């Protein structure tokens, strides 16, 4: 795991605990990791920011019926850390994990941040595992 990934994983753990206990998160925990991601990665941060604002407007119009604004904050921060393909994989894994949890818990409303946190770690670990295997596969 790259040492900078700790800056996003630790706040995700804190936010997952908050979401599990209170069904609310303090998104300010994501400010520093998102800023670091924008500095470290060659990503279209302005495009991500505009998409995030549009998603917030739509979510407010729908009165946060399906997804909370805190979940959108985490998805936007993750978009700054991951490539497009990895971001889609992250979201897919989180949704599958949430479906499994919904079948097990039978609650009317379940927090989504714990599933996002676990799946983010899966994607990061998978990225690093593939990166470490690549030099071995390229040897004659």
N, C-alpha and C. Protein backbone atom coordinates (compact mmCIF):
# COMPACT_ATOMS: atom_id res chain seq x y z
N UNK A 1 0.85 -1.18 0.00
CA UNK A 1 0.00 0.00 0.00
C UNK A 1 0.89 1.24 0.00
N UNK A 2 0.57 2.18 -0.85
CA UNK A 2 1.31 3.43 -0.93
C UNK A 2 1.03 4.24 0.33
N UNK A 3 2.06 4.92 0.85
CA UNK A 3 1.88 5.63 2.13
C UNK A 3 0.83 6.72 2.06
N UNK A 4 0.59 7.32 0.90
CA UNK A 4 -0.42 8.38 0.80
C UNK A 4 -1.84 7.83 0.92
N UNK A 5 -2.03 6.56 0.63
CA UNK A 5 -3.36 5.97 0.72
C UNK A 5 -3.88 5.92 2.15
N UNK A 6 -2.98 6.02 3.11
CA UNK A 6 -3.39 6.08 4.52
C UNK A 6 -4.21 7.34 4.76
N UNK A 7 -3.92 8.42 4.01
CA UNK A 7 -4.63 9.68 4.19
C UNK A 7 -6.10 9.59 3.78
N UNK A 8 -6.47 8.63 2.96
CA UNK A 8 -7.87 8.45 2.60
C UNK A 8 -8.49 7.29 3.39
N UNK A 9 -7.71 6.26 3.67
CA UNK A 9 -8.27 5.09 4.34
C UNK A 9 -8.63 5.38 5.80
N UNK A 10 -7.79 6.10 6.51
CA UNK A 10 -8.09 6.41 7.92
C UNK A 10 -9.37 7.24 8.06
N UNK A 11 -9.53 8.33 7.30
CA UNK A 11 -10.80 9.06 7.39
C UNK A 11 -12.01 8.21 6.98
N UNK A 12 -11.83 7.31 6.01
CA UNK A 12 -12.94 6.45 5.62
C UNK A 12 -13.37 5.54 6.78
N UNK A 13 -12.41 5.03 7.54
CA UNK A 13 -12.77 4.22 8.71
C UNK A 13 -13.54 5.05 9.73
N UNK A 14 -13.09 6.27 9.97
CA UNK A 14 -13.78 7.15 10.93
C UNK A 14 -15.20 7.44 10.45
N UNK A 15 -15.34 7.74 9.15
CA UNK A 15 -16.66 8.06 8.60
C UNK A 15 -17.57 6.83 8.57
N UNK A 16 -16.99 5.66 8.33
CA UNK A 16 -17.80 4.43 8.34
C UNK A 16 -18.37 4.19 9.73
N UNK A 17 -17.55 4.41 10.75
CA UNK A 17 -18.04 4.25 12.12
C UNK A 17 -19.13 5.27 12.43
N UNK A 18 -18.92 6.52 12.01
CA UNK A 18 -19.94 7.56 12.22
C UNK A 18 -21.24 7.18 11.54
N UNK A 19 -21.15 6.75 10.29
CA UNK A 19 -22.34 6.41 9.52
C UNK A 19 -23.07 5.22 10.14
N UNK A 20 -22.33 4.23 10.60
CA UNK A 20 -22.94 3.05 11.20
C UNK A 20 -23.68 3.40 12.48
N UNK A 21 -23.09 4.30 13.27
CA UNK A 21 -23.69 4.65 14.56
C UNK A 21 -24.79 5.70 14.45
N UNK A 22 -24.57 6.73 13.62
CA UNK A 22 -25.49 7.88 13.61
C UNK A 22 -26.24 8.09 12.30
N UNK A 23 -25.88 7.36 11.26
CA UNK A 23 -26.45 7.55 9.92
C UNK A 23 -26.15 8.96 9.38
N UNK A 24 -25.09 9.56 9.88
CA UNK A 24 -24.59 10.86 9.44
C UNK A 24 -23.08 10.82 9.45
N UNK A 25 -22.46 11.65 8.58
CA UNK A 25 -21.00 11.74 8.61
C UNK A 25 -20.59 13.21 8.60
N UNK A 26 -19.38 13.45 9.09
CA UNK A 26 -18.78 14.77 9.04
C UNK A 26 -17.81 14.78 7.87
N UNK A 27 -18.24 15.32 6.74
CA UNK A 27 -17.46 15.26 5.50
C UNK A 27 -16.18 16.07 5.55
N UNK A 28 -16.00 16.87 6.57
CA UNK A 28 -14.75 17.64 6.67
C UNK A 28 -13.54 16.73 6.79
N UNK A 29 -13.74 15.49 7.23
CA UNK A 29 -12.65 14.52 7.29
C UNK A 29 -12.06 14.24 5.90
N UNK A 30 -12.82 14.54 4.85
CA UNK A 30 -12.37 14.25 3.48
C UNK A 30 -11.62 15.40 2.84
N UNK A 31 -11.60 16.57 3.47
CA UNK A 31 -10.99 17.75 2.85
C UNK A 31 -9.50 17.54 2.57
N UNK A 32 -8.75 17.13 3.55
CA UNK A 32 -7.31 16.93 3.38
C UNK A 32 -7.00 15.81 2.39
N UNK A 33 -7.63 14.63 2.51
CA UNK A 33 -7.34 13.57 1.53
C UNK A 33 -7.68 13.96 0.09
N UNK A 34 -8.76 14.69 -0.09
CA UNK A 34 -9.14 15.10 -1.44
C UNK A 34 -8.14 16.10 -2.00
N UNK A 35 -7.70 17.03 -1.17
CA UNK A 35 -6.69 18.00 -1.59
C UNK A 35 -5.39 17.30 -1.96
N UNK A 36 -4.96 16.34 -1.14
CA UNK A 36 -3.74 15.58 -1.44
C UNK A 36 -3.88 14.82 -2.75
N UNK A 37 -5.05 14.22 -2.96
CA UNK A 37 -5.28 13.46 -4.20
C UNK A 37 -5.19 14.37 -5.42
N UNK A 38 -5.75 15.56 -5.31
CA UNK A 38 -5.71 16.50 -6.44
C UNK A 38 -4.28 16.94 -6.75
N UNK A 39 -3.43 17.02 -5.73
CA UNK A 39 -2.04 17.40 -5.94
C UNK A 39 -1.20 16.24 -6.47
N UNK A 40 -1.50 15.02 -6.06
CA UNK A 40 -0.67 13.86 -6.37
C UNK A 40 -1.02 13.18 -7.69
N UNK A 41 -2.26 13.29 -8.11
CA UNK A 41 -2.70 12.53 -9.27
C UNK A 41 -2.99 13.47 -10.44
N UNK A 42 -2.73 12.97 -11.62
CA UNK A 42 -3.01 13.73 -12.83
C UNK A 42 -4.45 13.44 -13.26
N UNK A 43 -5.38 14.04 -12.55
CA UNK A 43 -6.80 13.80 -12.80
C UNK A 43 -7.50 15.10 -13.14
N UNK A 44 -8.60 15.00 -13.86
CA UNK A 44 -9.39 16.21 -14.17
C UNK A 44 -10.23 16.61 -12.95
N UNK A 45 -9.58 17.21 -11.95
CA UNK A 45 -10.27 17.55 -10.70
C UNK A 45 -11.42 18.53 -10.92
N UNK A 46 -11.28 19.42 -11.88
CA UNK A 46 -12.36 20.37 -12.15
C UNK A 46 -13.59 19.64 -12.67
N UNK A 47 -13.41 18.66 -13.53
CA UNK A 47 -14.53 17.86 -14.04
C UNK A 47 -15.20 17.10 -12.91
N UNK A 48 -14.40 16.52 -12.02
CA UNK A 48 -14.96 15.80 -10.88
C UNK A 48 -15.75 16.76 -10.00
N UNK A 49 -15.21 17.96 -9.78
CA UNK A 49 -15.89 18.95 -8.94
C UNK A 49 -17.23 19.37 -9.55
N UNK A 50 -17.26 19.61 -10.86
CA UNK A 50 -18.51 20.01 -11.53
C UNK A 50 -19.53 18.87 -11.45
N UNK A 51 -19.10 17.64 -11.70
CA UNK A 51 -20.01 16.49 -11.60
C UNK A 51 -20.54 16.34 -10.17
N UNK A 52 -19.69 16.61 -9.20
CA UNK A 52 -20.09 16.54 -7.79
C UNK A 52 -21.16 17.58 -7.47
N UNK A 53 -20.97 18.81 -7.93
CA UNK A 53 -21.95 19.88 -7.69
C UNK A 53 -23.29 19.53 -8.34
N UNK A 54 -23.25 19.04 -9.58
CA UNK A 54 -24.48 18.64 -10.27
C UNK A 54 -25.18 17.52 -9.49
N UNK A 55 -24.41 16.54 -9.02
CA UNK A 55 -24.99 15.43 -8.24
C UNK A 55 -25.62 15.94 -6.95
N UNK A 56 -24.98 16.92 -6.29
CA UNK A 56 -25.55 17.49 -5.07
C UNK A 56 -26.87 18.20 -5.35
N UNK A 57 -26.93 18.93 -6.47
CA UNK A 57 -28.16 19.64 -6.84
C UNK A 57 -29.29 18.64 -7.10
N UNK A 58 -28.98 17.60 -7.87
CA UNK A 58 -29.99 16.58 -8.16
C UNK A 58 -30.42 15.88 -6.88
N UNK A 59 -29.46 15.56 -6.03
CA UNK A 59 -29.77 14.88 -4.77
C UNK A 59 -30.63 15.75 -3.86
N UNK A 60 -30.36 17.04 -3.85
CA UNK A 60 -31.18 17.95 -3.04
C UNK A 60 -32.60 18.02 -3.60
N UNK A 61 -32.71 18.03 -4.93
CA UNK A 61 -34.03 18.06 -5.57
C UNK A 61 -34.83 16.80 -5.21
N UNK A 62 -34.14 15.66 -5.12
CA UNK A 62 -34.80 14.40 -4.75
C UNK A 62 -34.90 14.23 -3.24
N UNK A 63 -34.51 15.24 -2.48
CA UNK A 63 -34.58 15.26 -1.01
C UNK A 63 -33.81 14.11 -0.38
N UNK A 64 -32.66 13.79 -0.94
CA UNK A 64 -31.77 12.74 -0.42
C UNK A 64 -32.53 11.43 -0.19
N UNK A 65 -33.43 11.13 -1.09
CA UNK A 65 -34.29 9.95 -0.92
C UNK A 65 -33.52 8.64 -1.07
N UNK A 66 -32.55 8.61 -1.97
CA UNK A 66 -31.87 7.36 -2.27
C UNK A 66 -30.43 7.31 -1.75
N UNK A 67 -29.79 8.46 -1.71
CA UNK A 67 -28.38 8.53 -1.34
C UNK A 67 -28.15 9.83 -0.59
N UNK A 68 -27.43 9.77 0.50
CA UNK A 68 -27.16 10.97 1.28
C UNK A 68 -26.06 11.81 0.67
N UNK A 69 -26.03 13.08 1.03
CA UNK A 69 -24.97 13.96 0.53
C UNK A 69 -23.60 13.52 1.01
N UNK A 70 -23.52 12.92 2.19
CA UNK A 70 -22.24 12.41 2.68
C UNK A 70 -21.70 11.29 1.80
N UNK A 71 -22.60 10.45 1.30
CA UNK A 71 -22.18 9.40 0.37
C UNK A 71 -21.62 10.01 -0.91
N UNK A 72 -22.26 11.07 -1.38
CA UNK A 72 -21.76 11.75 -2.58
C UNK A 72 -20.40 12.38 -2.32
N UNK A 73 -20.19 12.90 -1.11
CA UNK A 73 -18.88 13.46 -0.76
C UNK A 73 -17.79 12.39 -0.86
N UNK A 74 -18.09 11.22 -0.36
CA UNK A 74 -17.11 10.12 -0.40
C UNK A 74 -16.88 9.64 -1.83
N UNK A 75 -17.94 9.56 -2.62
CA UNK A 75 -17.78 9.15 -4.02
C UNK A 75 -16.93 10.15 -4.80
N UNK A 76 -17.10 11.43 -4.53
CA UNK A 76 -16.29 12.46 -5.20
C UNK A 76 -14.83 12.37 -4.75
N UNK A 77 -14.60 12.18 -3.45
CA UNK A 77 -13.23 12.04 -2.96
C UNK A 77 -12.57 10.80 -3.56
N UNK A 78 -13.32 9.70 -3.66
CA UNK A 78 -12.79 8.49 -4.26
C UNK A 78 -12.46 8.68 -5.73
N UNK A 79 -13.24 9.50 -6.41
CA UNK A 79 -12.97 9.78 -7.83
C UNK A 79 -11.65 10.51 -8.00
N UNK A 80 -11.25 11.26 -7.00
CA UNK A 80 -9.95 11.94 -7.05
C UNK A 80 -8.79 10.98 -6.80
N UNK A 81 -9.04 9.89 -6.10
CA UNK A 81 -7.99 8.93 -5.76
C UNK A 81 -7.84 7.82 -6.78
N UNK A 82 -8.93 7.42 -7.42
CA UNK A 82 -8.93 6.24 -8.27
C UNK A 82 -9.05 6.61 -9.74
N UNK A 83 -8.61 5.71 -10.60
CA UNK A 83 -8.84 5.89 -12.03
C UNK A 83 -10.32 5.64 -12.31
N UNK A 84 -10.77 5.98 -13.49
CA UNK A 84 -12.17 5.79 -13.83
C UNK A 84 -12.62 4.34 -13.72
N UNK A 85 -11.80 3.42 -14.22
CA UNK A 85 -12.12 2.00 -14.15
C UNK A 85 -12.15 1.51 -12.71
N UNK A 86 -11.15 1.92 -11.93
CA UNK A 86 -11.12 1.51 -10.52
C UNK A 86 -12.28 2.12 -9.74
N UNK A 87 -12.68 3.34 -10.09
CA UNK A 87 -13.81 3.98 -9.42
C UNK A 87 -15.09 3.18 -9.68
N UNK A 88 -15.28 2.75 -10.93
CA UNK A 88 -16.47 1.95 -11.26
C UNK A 88 -16.43 0.60 -10.55
N UNK A 89 -15.25 -0.01 -10.48
CA UNK A 89 -15.10 -1.26 -9.74
C UNK A 89 -15.42 -1.05 -8.27
N UNK A 90 -14.93 0.05 -7.70
CA UNK A 90 -15.19 0.40 -6.29
C UNK A 90 -16.68 0.52 -6.03
N UNK A 91 -17.37 1.26 -6.89
CA UNK A 91 -18.80 1.46 -6.71
C UNK A 91 -19.58 0.15 -6.88
N UNK A 92 -19.18 -0.67 -7.84
CA UNK A 92 -19.83 -1.96 -8.05
C UNK A 92 -19.66 -2.88 -6.84
N UNK A 93 -18.43 -2.97 -6.34
CA UNK A 93 -18.18 -3.80 -5.15
C UNK A 93 -18.96 -3.29 -3.94
N UNK A 94 -19.01 -1.97 -3.78
CA UNK A 94 -19.76 -1.39 -2.65
C UNK A 94 -21.25 -1.72 -2.75
N UNK A 95 -21.79 -1.62 -3.96
CA UNK A 95 -23.21 -1.94 -4.14
C UNK A 95 -23.50 -3.41 -3.89
N UNK A 96 -22.62 -4.29 -4.36
CA UNK A 96 -22.81 -5.73 -4.10
C UNK A 96 -22.72 -6.03 -2.61
N UNK A 97 -21.77 -5.42 -1.94
CA UNK A 97 -21.64 -5.61 -0.50
C UNK A 97 -22.86 -5.08 0.24
N UNK A 98 -23.38 -3.95 -0.22
CA UNK A 98 -24.57 -3.37 0.41
C UNK A 98 -25.79 -4.26 0.20
N UNK A 99 -25.90 -4.87 -0.97
CA UNK A 99 -27.01 -5.80 -1.21
C UNK A 99 -26.93 -7.02 -0.29
N UNK A 100 -25.73 -7.54 -0.10
CA UNK A 100 -25.56 -8.66 0.83
C UNK A 100 -25.92 -8.24 2.25
N UNK A 101 -25.51 -7.06 2.64
CA UNK A 101 -25.82 -6.55 3.97
C UNK A 101 -27.32 -6.32 4.14
N UNK A 102 -27.97 -5.84 3.10
CA UNK A 102 -29.42 -5.60 3.16
C UNK A 102 -30.19 -6.91 3.35
N UNK A 103 -29.72 -7.98 2.72
CA UNK A 103 -30.37 -9.28 2.91
C UNK A 103 -30.17 -9.82 4.32
N UNK A 104 -29.05 -9.48 4.92
CA UNK A 104 -28.73 -9.97 6.25
C UNK A 104 -29.40 -9.15 7.36
N UNK A 105 -29.40 -7.82 7.22
CA UNK A 105 -29.85 -6.94 8.32
C UNK A 105 -31.35 -6.68 8.33
N UNK A 106 -31.98 -6.63 7.19
CA UNK A 106 -33.42 -6.37 7.09
C UNK A 106 -33.85 -5.03 7.70
N UNK A 107 -32.95 -4.07 7.77
CA UNK A 107 -33.30 -2.74 8.27
C UNK A 107 -33.87 -1.90 7.14
N UNK A 108 -34.66 -0.90 7.49
CA UNK A 108 -35.26 -0.04 6.47
C UNK A 108 -34.21 0.86 5.82
N UNK A 109 -33.27 1.33 6.61
CA UNK A 109 -32.22 2.21 6.11
C UNK A 109 -30.87 1.70 6.61
N UNK A 110 -29.94 1.49 5.68
CA UNK A 110 -28.62 1.00 6.04
C UNK A 110 -27.56 2.03 5.65
N UNK A 111 -26.54 2.19 6.46
CA UNK A 111 -25.45 3.10 6.10
C UNK A 111 -24.65 2.53 4.93
N UNK A 112 -24.26 3.41 4.01
CA UNK A 112 -23.54 2.98 2.81
C UNK A 112 -22.03 3.16 2.96
N UNK A 113 -21.60 4.03 3.85
CA UNK A 113 -20.17 4.33 3.98
C UNK A 113 -19.35 3.11 4.40
N UNK A 114 -19.83 2.24 5.29
CA UNK A 114 -19.02 1.05 5.59
C UNK A 114 -18.76 0.18 4.34
N UNK A 115 -19.75 0.02 3.50
CA UNK A 115 -19.55 -0.75 2.26
C UNK A 115 -18.58 -0.04 1.33
N UNK A 116 -18.67 1.29 1.26
CA UNK A 116 -17.72 2.06 0.44
C UNK A 116 -16.30 1.91 0.97
N UNK A 117 -16.16 1.92 2.28
CA UNK A 117 -14.83 1.81 2.89
C UNK A 117 -14.20 0.44 2.62
N UNK A 118 -14.95 -0.61 2.86
CA UNK A 118 -14.43 -1.97 2.64
C UNK A 118 -14.08 -2.18 1.18
N UNK A 119 -14.94 -1.75 0.28
CA UNK A 119 -14.67 -1.96 -1.15
C UNK A 119 -13.52 -1.09 -1.63
N UNK A 120 -13.34 0.10 -1.05
CA UNK A 120 -12.19 0.95 -1.41
C UNK A 120 -10.89 0.23 -1.06
N UNK A 121 -10.86 -0.38 0.10
CA UNK A 121 -9.65 -1.12 0.50
C UNK A 121 -9.42 -2.31 -0.43
N UNK A 122 -10.49 -3.01 -0.81
CA UNK A 122 -10.34 -4.12 -1.77
C UNK A 122 -9.72 -3.64 -3.07
N UNK A 123 -10.20 -2.50 -3.57
CA UNK A 123 -9.68 -1.98 -4.85
C UNK A 123 -8.22 -1.57 -4.70
N UNK A 124 -7.87 -0.88 -3.62
CA UNK A 124 -6.49 -0.45 -3.40
C UNK A 124 -5.56 -1.65 -3.26
N UNK A 125 -5.96 -2.65 -2.49
CA UNK A 125 -5.15 -3.85 -2.31
C UNK A 125 -5.00 -4.57 -3.65
N UNK A 126 -6.08 -4.65 -4.42
CA UNK A 126 -6.02 -5.28 -5.74
C UNK A 126 -5.09 -4.54 -6.69
N UNK A 127 -5.15 -3.21 -6.66
CA UNK A 127 -4.24 -2.40 -7.48
C UNK A 127 -2.79 -2.71 -7.14
N UNK A 128 -2.49 -2.71 -5.86
CA UNK A 128 -1.11 -2.93 -5.42
C UNK A 128 -0.65 -4.34 -5.71
N UNK A 129 -1.54 -5.32 -5.59
CA UNK A 129 -1.17 -6.70 -5.90
C UNK A 129 -0.85 -6.84 -7.38
N UNK A 130 -1.66 -6.24 -8.23
CA UNK A 130 -1.40 -6.30 -9.67
C UNK A 130 -0.12 -5.56 -10.03
N UNK A 131 0.13 -4.43 -9.38
CA UNK A 131 1.35 -3.67 -9.66
C UNK A 131 2.59 -4.45 -9.25
N UNK A 132 2.51 -5.21 -8.17
CA UNK A 132 3.67 -5.99 -7.75
C UNK A 132 3.88 -7.22 -8.63
N UNK A 133 2.83 -7.73 -9.25
CA UNK A 133 2.96 -8.88 -10.15
C UNK A 133 3.46 -8.49 -11.53
N UNK A 134 3.25 -7.26 -11.93
CA UNK A 134 3.58 -6.83 -13.28
C UNK A 134 5.06 -7.02 -13.63
N UNK A 135 6.01 -6.65 -12.77
CA UNK A 135 7.42 -6.89 -13.14
C UNK A 135 7.74 -8.36 -13.34
N UNK A 136 7.11 -9.25 -12.56
CA UNK A 136 7.37 -10.68 -12.71
C UNK A 136 6.81 -11.21 -14.02
N UNK A 137 5.70 -10.66 -14.48
CA UNK A 137 5.09 -11.13 -15.72
C UNK A 137 5.85 -10.65 -16.94
N UNK A 138 6.58 -9.55 -16.80
CA UNK A 138 7.30 -8.97 -17.94
C UNK A 138 8.68 -9.59 -18.13
N UNK A 139 9.16 -10.38 -17.17
CA UNK A 139 10.47 -10.99 -17.30
C UNK A 139 10.42 -12.14 -18.29
N UNK A 140 11.50 -12.30 -19.09
CA UNK A 140 11.52 -13.40 -20.06
C UNK A 140 11.76 -14.74 -19.41
